[in-house]
Amino acid sequence: MGGGSGQRFGRPKQYEQIGGERIIDRSRRIAEHVSDGVIVVVPAPDADRERGVAGGATRSASVRAGLARVPADCDIVCIHDAARPLASAALFRAVIAAVAGDDSVDGAVPGVAVADTIKIVDDCGAVVATPDRASLVAVQTPQAFRAGALRRAHESGGDGTDDASLVEKTGGRVVAVAGEPDNRKITHPDDLVWARSVVGAPGTDRPATDRSAR
């Protein structure tokens, strides 16, 4: 998924360089190690240049555009935000295994423990609840789903901040696996500075990422 316009970043972040390659190319490279095929969704004006699928007006619309290109006989579909270029191949394998290994599971998401106390507030800013953070995780991508469950979730044409939320709304069972602390989403320019410091100069990618990708 590289269909975002980068409004918060200030420009299309998926085309920025990291470790000697573009963010979108790095994310695709890792995904290709663990899949039978990768469909890249990009902003509509870039589709021909990037040899990808034209995205829609929302994240969910872009997912549906890519999902329409997935072969009908596909069993498991992974959705990944290109803006998380440090996700390892091992993480892709973990979410896929969680779905493939249990017939009762419709989807799997990576999650990391929440360090901060979370407050639920109303429209006026008043705190209405403080959930136990021991039961909370911050969710990442890649997310893996049974193809049928994912297609059903998108049939309504609804929108969600991630695909798991749509699968949950249709009664699907989604489980969480251990996420990766370094699998940080590039949202602001400071995130890109951080990611570049982790990856290093061209040709010096993190050994852990390289090992899991082979």
C-alpha atoms as a PDB file:
ATOM      1  CA  MET A   1       0.000   0.000   0.000  1.00  0.00           C
ATOM      2  CA  GLY A   2       1.696   3.171  -1.187  1.00  0.00           C
ATOM      3  CA  GLY A   3      -1.376   5.116  -2.224  1.00  0.00           C
ATOM      4  CA  GLY A   4      -1.157   7.916   0.321  1.00  0.00           C
ATOM      5  CA  SER A   5      -0.626  11.519  -0.722  1.00  0.00           C
ATOM      6  CA  GLY A   6       1.587  12.285   2.287  1.00  0.00           C
ATOM      7  CA  GLN A   7      -0.441  15.224   3.598  1.00  0.00           C
ATOM      8  CA  ARG A   8       1.028  15.026   7.108  1.00  0.00           C
ATOM      9  CA  PHE A   9       4.529  14.446   5.742  1.00  0.00           C
ATOM     10  CA  GLY A  10       4.287  17.308   3.272  1.00  0.00           C
ATOM     11  CA  ARG A  11       4.937  15.245   0.136  1.00  0.00           C
ATOM     12  CA  PRO A  12       4.541  11.604  -1.000  1.00  0.00           C
ATOM     13  CA  LYS A  13       6.780   9.929   1.577  1.00  0.00           C
ATOM     14  CA  GLN A  14       6.768   6.545  -0.165  1.00  0.00           C
ATOM     15  CA  TYR A  15       9.198   7.884  -2.764  1.00  0.00           C
ATOM     16  CA  GLU A  16      11.767   9.148  -0.248  1.00  0.00           C
ATOM     17  CA  GLN A  17      15.141   7.425  -0.079  1.00  0.00           C
ATOM     18  CA  ILE A  18      16.192   5.130   2.761  1.00  0.00           C
ATOM     19  CA  GLY A  19      19.323   2.994   2.755  1.00  0.00           C
ATOM     20  CA  GLY A  20      19.964   3.583  -0.940  1.00  0.00           C
ATOM     21  CA  GLU A  21      16.457   2.744  -2.178  1.00  0.00           C
ATOM     22  CA  ARG A  22      13.029   4.287  -2.079  1.00  0.00           C
ATOM     23  CA  ILE A  23      10.738   3.513   0.848  1.00  0.00           C
ATOM     24  CA  ILE A  24       8.176   1.883  -1.441  1.00  0.00           C
ATOM     25  CA  ASP A  25      10.832  -0.238  -3.154  1.00  0.00           C
ATOM     26  CA  ARG A  26      12.252  -1.452   0.148  1.00  0.00           C
ATOM     27  CA  SER A  27       8.794  -2.420   1.424  1.00  0.00           C
ATOM     28  CA  ARG A  28       8.043  -4.245  -1.809  1.00  0.00           C
ATOM     29  CA  ARG A  29      11.392  -6.055  -1.762  1.00  0.00           C
ATOM     30  CA  ILE A  30      10.767  -7.481   1.702  1.00  0.00           C
ATOM     31  CA  ALA A  31       7.197  -8.504   0.820  1.00  0.00           C
ATOM     32  CA  GLU A  32       8.368 -10.316  -2.306  1.00  0.00           C
ATOM     33  CA  HIS A  33      10.512 -12.657  -0.191  1.00  0.00           C
ATOM     34  CA  VAL A  34       7.461 -14.139   1.508  1.00  0.00           C
ATOM     35  CA  SER A  35       4.686 -14.030  -1.097  1.00  0.00           C
ATOM     36  CA  ASP A  36       3.662 -15.445  -4.446  1.00  0.00           C
ATOM     37  CA  GLY A  37       2.992 -11.968  -5.783  1.00  0.00           C
ATOM     38  CA  VAL A  38       2.916  -8.319  -4.748  1.00  0.00           C
ATOM     39  CA  ILE A  39       0.428  -5.689  -5.902  1.00  0.00           C
ATOM     40  CA  VAL A  40       1.528  -2.115  -5.335  1.00  0.00           C
ATOM     41  CA  VAL A  41      -1.134   0.572  -4.940  1.00  0.00           C
ATOM     42  CA  VAL A  42      -0.009   4.143  -5.602  1.00  0.00           C
ATOM     43  CA  PRO A  43      -1.647   7.549  -6.151  1.00  0.00           C
ATOM     44  CA  ALA A  44      -3.591   7.468  -9.414  1.00  0.00           C
ATOM     45  CA  PRO A  45      -1.280   9.904 -11.293  1.00  0.00           C
ATOM     46  CA  ASP A  46       1.695   7.635 -10.522  1.00  0.00           C
ATOM     47  CA  ALA A  47       0.169   4.298 -11.507  1.00  0.00           C
ATOM     48  CA  ASP A  48       1.646   4.053 -14.995  1.00  0.00           C
ATOM     49  CA  ARG A  49       5.087   5.237 -13.938  1.00  0.00           C
ATOM     50  CA  GLU A  50       5.224   2.840 -10.982  1.00  0.00           C
ATOM     51  CA  ARG A  51       3.570  -0.053 -12.838  1.00  0.00           C
ATOM     52  CA  GLY A  52       1.077  -0.227 -10.013  1.00  0.00           C
ATOM     53  CA  VAL A  53      -2.635   0.040  -9.306  1.00  0.00           C
ATOM     54  CA  ALA A  54      -4.301   3.435  -8.973  1.00  0.00           C
ATOM     55  CA  GLY A  55      -5.428   4.052  -5.409  1.00  0.00           C
ATOM     56  CA  GLY A  56      -8.691   5.626  -4.287  1.00  0.00           C
ATOM     57  CA  ALA A  57      -9.733   8.621  -2.222  1.00  0.00           C
ATOM     58  CA  THR A  58      -9.379   6.753   1.095  1.00  0.00           C
ATOM     59  CA  ARG A  59      -7.137   4.064   2.499  1.00  0.00           C
ATOM     60  CA  SER A  60      -9.910   1.464   2.299  1.00  0.00           C
ATOM     61  CA  ALA A  61     -10.739   2.447  -1.275  1.00  0.00           C
ATOM     62  CA  SER A  62      -7.102   1.939  -2.194  1.00  0.00           C
ATOM     63  CA  VAL A  63      -7.103  -1.492  -0.555  1.00  0.00           C
ATOM     64  CA  ARG A  64     -10.180  -2.440  -2.562  1.00  0.00           C
ATOM     65  CA  ALA A  65      -8.465  -1.341  -5.772  1.00  0.00           C
ATOM     66  CA  GLY A  66      -5.541  -3.626  -5.002  1.00  0.00           C
ATOM     67  CA  LEU A  67      -7.764  -6.458  -3.773  1.00  0.00           C
ATOM     68  CA  ALA A  68      -9.586  -6.452  -7.096  1.00  0.00           C
ATOM     69  CA  ARG A  69      -6.284  -7.500  -8.727  1.00  0.00           C
ATOM     70  CA  VAL A  70      -5.675 -10.421  -6.340  1.00  0.00           C
ATOM     71  CA  PRO A  71      -6.247 -13.795  -8.061  1.00  0.00           C
ATOM     72  CA  ALA A  72      -9.522 -15.478  -7.093  1.00  0.00           C
ATOM     73  CA  ASP A  73      -7.729 -18.631  -5.923  1.00  0.00           C
ATOM     74  CA  CYS A  74      -5.531 -16.784  -3.417  1.00  0.00           C
ATOM     75  CA  ASP A  75      -5.908 -18.157   0.138  1.00  0.00           C
ATOM     76  CA  ILE A  76      -4.215 -15.521   2.308  1.00  0.00           C
ATOM     77  CA  VAL A  77      -3.746 -11.830   1.559  1.00  0.00           C
ATOM     78  CA  CYS A  78      -1.320  -9.521   3.361  1.00  0.00           C
ATOM     79  CA  ILE A  79      -1.940  -5.787   3.486  1.00  0.00           C
ATOM     80  CA  HIS A  80       1.113  -3.671   4.247  1.00  0.00           C
ATOM     81  CA  ASP A  81       1.663   0.077   4.432  1.00  0.00           C
ATOM     82  CA  ALA A  82       4.701   1.012   2.371  1.00  0.00           C
ATOM     83  CA  ALA A  83       5.334   3.710   4.968  1.00  0.00           C
ATOM     84  CA  ARG A  84       6.569   0.958   7.333  1.00  0.00           C
ATOM     85  CA  PRO A  85       9.774   0.048   5.462  1.00  0.00           C
ATOM     86  CA  LEU A  86      11.468  -1.553   8.474  1.00  0.00           C
ATOM     87  CA  ALA A  87       9.007  -4.428   8.820  1.00  0.00           C
ATOM     88  CA  SER A  88      10.998  -7.643   8.490  1.00  0.00           C
ATOM     89  CA  ALA A  89      10.214 -10.687   6.375  1.00  0.00           C
ATOM     90  CA  ALA A  90       9.938 -12.600   9.656  1.00  0.00           C
ATOM     91  CA  LEU A  91       7.012 -10.395  10.665  1.00  0.00           C
ATOM     92  CA  PHE A  92       5.223 -11.162   7.401  1.00  0.00           C
ATOM     93  CA  ARG A  93       5.760 -14.849   8.067  1.00  0.00           C
ATOM     94  CA  ALA A  94       4.424 -14.535  11.610  1.00  0.00           C
ATOM     95  CA  VAL A  95       1.078 -13.019  10.623  1.00  0.00           C
ATOM     96  CA  ILE A  96       0.688 -15.452   7.726  1.00  0.00           C
ATOM     97  CA  ALA A  97       1.422 -18.409  10.010  1.00  0.00           C
ATOM     98  CA  ALA A  98      -1.134 -17.208  12.567  1.00  0.00           C
ATOM     99  CA  VAL A  99      -3.850 -17.349   9.907  1.00  0.00           C
ATOM    100  CA  ALA A 100      -2.674 -20.475   8.117  1.00  0.00           C
ATOM    101  CA  GLY A 101      -2.243 -22.441  11.330  1.00  0.00           C
ATOM    102  CA  ASP A 102      -5.736 -21.993  12.803  1.00  0.00           C
ATOM    103  CA  ASP A 103      -8.952 -22.419  10.836  1.00  0.00           C
ATOM    104  CA  SER A 104     -10.833 -20.254  13.355  1.00  0.00           C
ATOM    105  CA  VAL A 105      -8.653 -17.207  12.635  1.00  0.00           C
ATOM    106  CA  ASP A 106      -9.700 -14.785   9.902  1.00  0.00           C
ATOM    107  CA  GLY A 107      -6.891 -12.283  10.349  1.00  0.00           C
ATOM    108  CA  ALA A 108      -3.678 -11.561  12.234  1.00  0.00           C
ATOM    109  CA  VAL A 109      -2.062  -8.240  13.108  1.00  0.00           C
ATOM    110  CA  PRO A 110       1.289  -7.346  14.695  1.00  0.00           C
ATOM    111  CA  GLY A 111       0.945  -5.475  17.989  1.00  0.00           C
ATOM    112  CA  VAL A 112       3.388  -3.865  20.420  1.00  0.00           C
ATOM    113  CA  ALA A 113       2.724  -3.064  24.053  1.00  0.00           C
ATOM    114  CA  VAL A 114       1.467   0.433  24.844  1.00  0.00           C
ATOM    115  CA  ALA A 115       3.890   2.263  27.126  1.00  0.00           C
ATOM    116  CA  ASP A 116       1.728   5.278  27.914  1.00  0.00           C
ATOM    117  CA  THR A 117      -1.479   5.453  29.903  1.00  0.00           C
ATOM    118  CA  ILE A 118      -4.393   5.833  27.490  1.00  0.00           C
ATOM    119  CA  LYS A 119      -7.417   8.033  28.212  1.00  0.00           C
ATOM    120  CA  ILE A 120     -10.751   7.979  26.389  1.00  0.00           C
ATOM    121  CA  VAL A 121     -12.167  11.493  26.113  1.00  0.00           C
ATOM    122  CA  ASP A 122     -15.476  12.914  24.906  1.00  0.00           C
ATOM    123  CA  ASP A 123     -16.052  15.681  22.358  1.00  0.00           C
ATOM    124  CA  CYS A 124     -15.406  18.313  25.040  1.00  0.00           C
ATOM    125  CA  GLY A 125     -12.085  16.808  26.073  1.00  0.00           C
ATOM    126  CA  ALA A 126     -13.361  15.354  29.350  1.00  0.00           C
ATOM    127  CA  VAL A 127     -11.882  11.980  30.328  1.00  0.00           C
ATOM    128  CA  VAL A 128     -14.573   9.305  30.383  1.00  0.00           C
ATOM    129  CA  ALA A 129     -12.474   6.169  30.857  1.00  0.00           C
ATOM    130  CA  THR A 130      -8.958   4.876  31.422  1.00  0.00           C
ATOM    131  CA  PRO A 131      -8.560   1.414  29.890  1.00  0.00           C
ATOM    132  CA  ASP A 132      -6.085  -1.033  31.374  1.00  0.00           C
ATOM    133  CA  ARG A 133      -3.015  -0.658  29.183  1.00  0.00           C
ATOM    134  CA  ALA A 134      -2.104  -4.295  29.873  1.00  0.00           C
ATOM    135  CA  SER A 135      -4.880  -5.236  27.452  1.00  0.00           C
ATOM    136  CA  LEU A 136      -3.873  -2.680  24.795  1.00  0.00           C
ATOM    137  CA  VAL A 137      -1.501  -3.020  21.856  1.00  0.00           C
ATOM    138  CA  ALA A 138      -0.496  -0.554  19.151  1.00  0.00           C
ATOM    139  CA  VAL A 139      -1.213  -2.270  15.849  1.00  0.00           C
ATOM    140  CA  GLN A 140       1.110  -2.320  12.846  1.00  0.00           C
ATOM    141  CA  THR A 141       1.207  -3.797   9.364  1.00  0.00           C
ATOM    142  CA  PRO A 142       1.671  -6.219   7.643  1.00  0.00           C
ATOM    143  CA  GLN A 143      -1.745  -7.667   8.431  1.00  0.00           C
ATOM    144  CA  ALA A 144      -2.718 -11.079   7.055  1.00  0.00           C
ATOM    145  CA  PHE A 145      -6.256 -12.264   6.270  1.00  0.00           C
ATOM    146  CA  ARG A 146      -8.128 -15.145   4.772  1.00  0.00           C
ATOM    147  CA  ALA A 147      -8.946 -13.826   1.330  1.00  0.00           C
ATOM    148  CA  GLY A 148     -12.643 -14.581   1.648  1.00  0.00           C
ATOM    149  CA  ALA A 149     -12.948 -12.791   4.987  1.00  0.00           C
ATOM    150  CA  LEU A 150     -11.137  -9.745   3.637  1.00  0.00           C
ATOM    151  CA  ARG A 151     -13.288  -9.589   0.516  1.00  0.00           C
ATOM    152  CA  ARG A 152     -16.481  -9.843   2.593  1.00  0.00           C
ATOM    153  CA  ALA A 153     -15.263  -7.076   4.890  1.00  0.00           C
ATOM    154  CA  HIS A 154     -14.786  -4.747   1.934  1.00  0.00           C
ATOM    155  CA  GLU A 155     -18.045  -5.584   0.166  1.00  0.00           C
ATOM    156  CA  SER A 156     -19.908  -2.875   2.107  1.00  0.00           C
ATOM    157  CA  GLY A 157     -17.544  -0.203   0.790  1.00  0.00           C
ATOM    158  CA  GLY A 158     -16.880   1.007   4.338  1.00  0.00           C
ATOM    159  CA  ASP A 159     -13.763   2.740   5.611  1.00  0.00           C
ATOM    160  CA  GLY A 160     -11.447   1.916   8.489  1.00  0.00           C
ATOM    161  CA  THR A 161      -8.058   2.966   9.786  1.00  0.00           C
ATOM    162  CA  ASP A 162      -6.908  -0.587   9.118  1.00  0.00           C
ATOM    163  CA  ASP A 163      -8.333  -3.671   7.446  1.00  0.00           C
ATOM    164  CA  ALA A 164      -8.586  -5.632  10.674  1.00  0.00           C
ATOM    165  CA  SER A 165     -11.254  -3.233  11.950  1.00  0.00           C
ATOM    166  CA  LEU A 166     -13.400  -3.958   8.883  1.00  0.00           C
ATOM    167  CA  VAL A 167     -12.972  -7.720   9.298  1.00  0.00           C
ATOM    168  CA  GLU A 168     -13.905  -7.400  12.981  1.00  0.00           C
ATOM    169  CA  LYS A 169     -17.103  -5.524  12.085  1.00  0.00           C
ATOM    170  CA  THR A 170     -18.246  -8.411   9.913  1.00  0.00           C
ATOM    171  CA  GLY A 171     -17.730 -10.887  12.758  1.00  0.00           C
ATOM    172  CA  GLY A 172     -14.285 -12.089  11.757  1.00  0.00           C
ATOM    173  CA  ARG A 173     -11.835 -13.296  14.394  1.00  0.00           C
ATOM    174  CA  VAL A 174      -8.568 -11.359  14.408  1.00  0.00           C
ATOM    175  CA  VAL A 175      -5.598 -12.261  16.593  1.00  0.00           C
ATOM    176  CA  ALA A 176      -2.472 -10.303  17.494  1.00  0.00           C
ATOM    177  CA  VAL A 177       1.115 -11.517  17.214  1.00  0.00           C
ATOM    178  CA  ALA A 178       4.224  -9.839  18.560  1.00  0.00           C
ATOM    179  CA  GLY A 179       5.073  -6.755  16.531  1.00  0.00           C
ATOM    180  CA  GLU A 180       8.487  -5.153  16.068  1.00  0.00           C
ATOM    181  CA  PRO A 181       9.485  -1.973  17.932  1.00  0.00           C
ATOM    182  CA  ASP A 182      11.446  -0.729  14.915  1.00  0.00           C
ATOM    183  CA  ASN A 183       8.461  -1.222  12.601  1.00  0.00           C
ATOM    184  CA  ARG A 184       7.649   2.444  12.918  1.00  0.00           C
ATOM    185  CA  LYS A 185       5.404   4.218  10.444  1.00  0.00           C
ATOM    186  CA  ILE A 186       6.951   7.129   8.569  1.00  0.00           C
ATOM    187  CA  THR A 187       4.399   9.863   9.171  1.00  0.00           C
ATOM    188  CA  HIS A 188       6.462  13.017   9.745  1.00  0.00           C
ATOM    189  CA  PRO A 189       9.907  14.082   8.458  1.00  0.00           C
ATOM    190  CA  ASP A 190      11.441  13.275  11.858  1.00  0.00           C
ATOM    191  CA  ASP A 191      10.355   9.657  11.394  1.00  0.00           C
ATOM    192  CA  LEU A 192      12.331   9.487   8.157  1.00  0.00           C
ATOM    193  CA  VAL A 193      15.416  10.906   9.866  1.00  0.00           C
ATOM    194  CA  TRP A 194      15.083   8.204  12.522  1.00  0.00           C
ATOM    195  CA  ALA A 195      14.569   5.416   9.981  1.00  0.00           C
ATOM    196  CA  ARG A 196      17.605   6.486   7.999  1.00  0.00           C
ATOM    197  CA  SER A 197      19.689   6.406  11.176  1.00  0.00           C
ATOM    198  CA  VAL A 198      18.529   2.843  11.854  1.00  0.00           C
ATOM    199  CA  VAL A 199      19.166   1.585   8.329  1.00  0.00           C
ATOM    200  CA  GLY A 200      22.414   3.489   7.856  1.00  0.00           C
ATOM    201  CA  ALA A 201      24.151   4.360   4.627  1.00  0.00           C
ATOM    202  CA  PRO A 202      23.470   2.461   1.374  1.00  0.00           C
ATOM    203  CA  GLY A 203      24.624  -1.123   1.672  1.00  0.00           C
ATOM    204  CA  THR A 204      24.544  -1.137   5.488  1.00  0.00           C
ATOM    205  CA  ASP A 205      20.975  -2.282   6.236  1.00  0.00           C
ATOM    206  CA  ARG A 206      20.352  -3.787   9.639  1.00  0.00           C
ATOM    207  CA  PRO A 207      21.739  -7.367   9.779  1.00  0.00           C
ATOM    208  CA  ALA A 208      18.493  -8.601  11.393  1.00  0.00           C
ATOM    209  CA  THR A 209      16.430  -7.328   8.479  1.00  0.00           C
ATOM    210  CA  ASP A 210      18.785  -8.778   5.902  1.00  0.00           C
ATOM    211  CA  ARG A 211      18.851 -12.216   7.538  1.00  0.00           C
ATOM    212  CA  SER A 212      15.077 -12.452   7.767  1.00  0.00           C
ATOM    213  CA  ALA A 213      14.684 -11.425   4.145  1.00  0.00           C
ATOM    214  CA  ARG A 214      16.798 -14.242   2.770  1.00  0.00           C
END
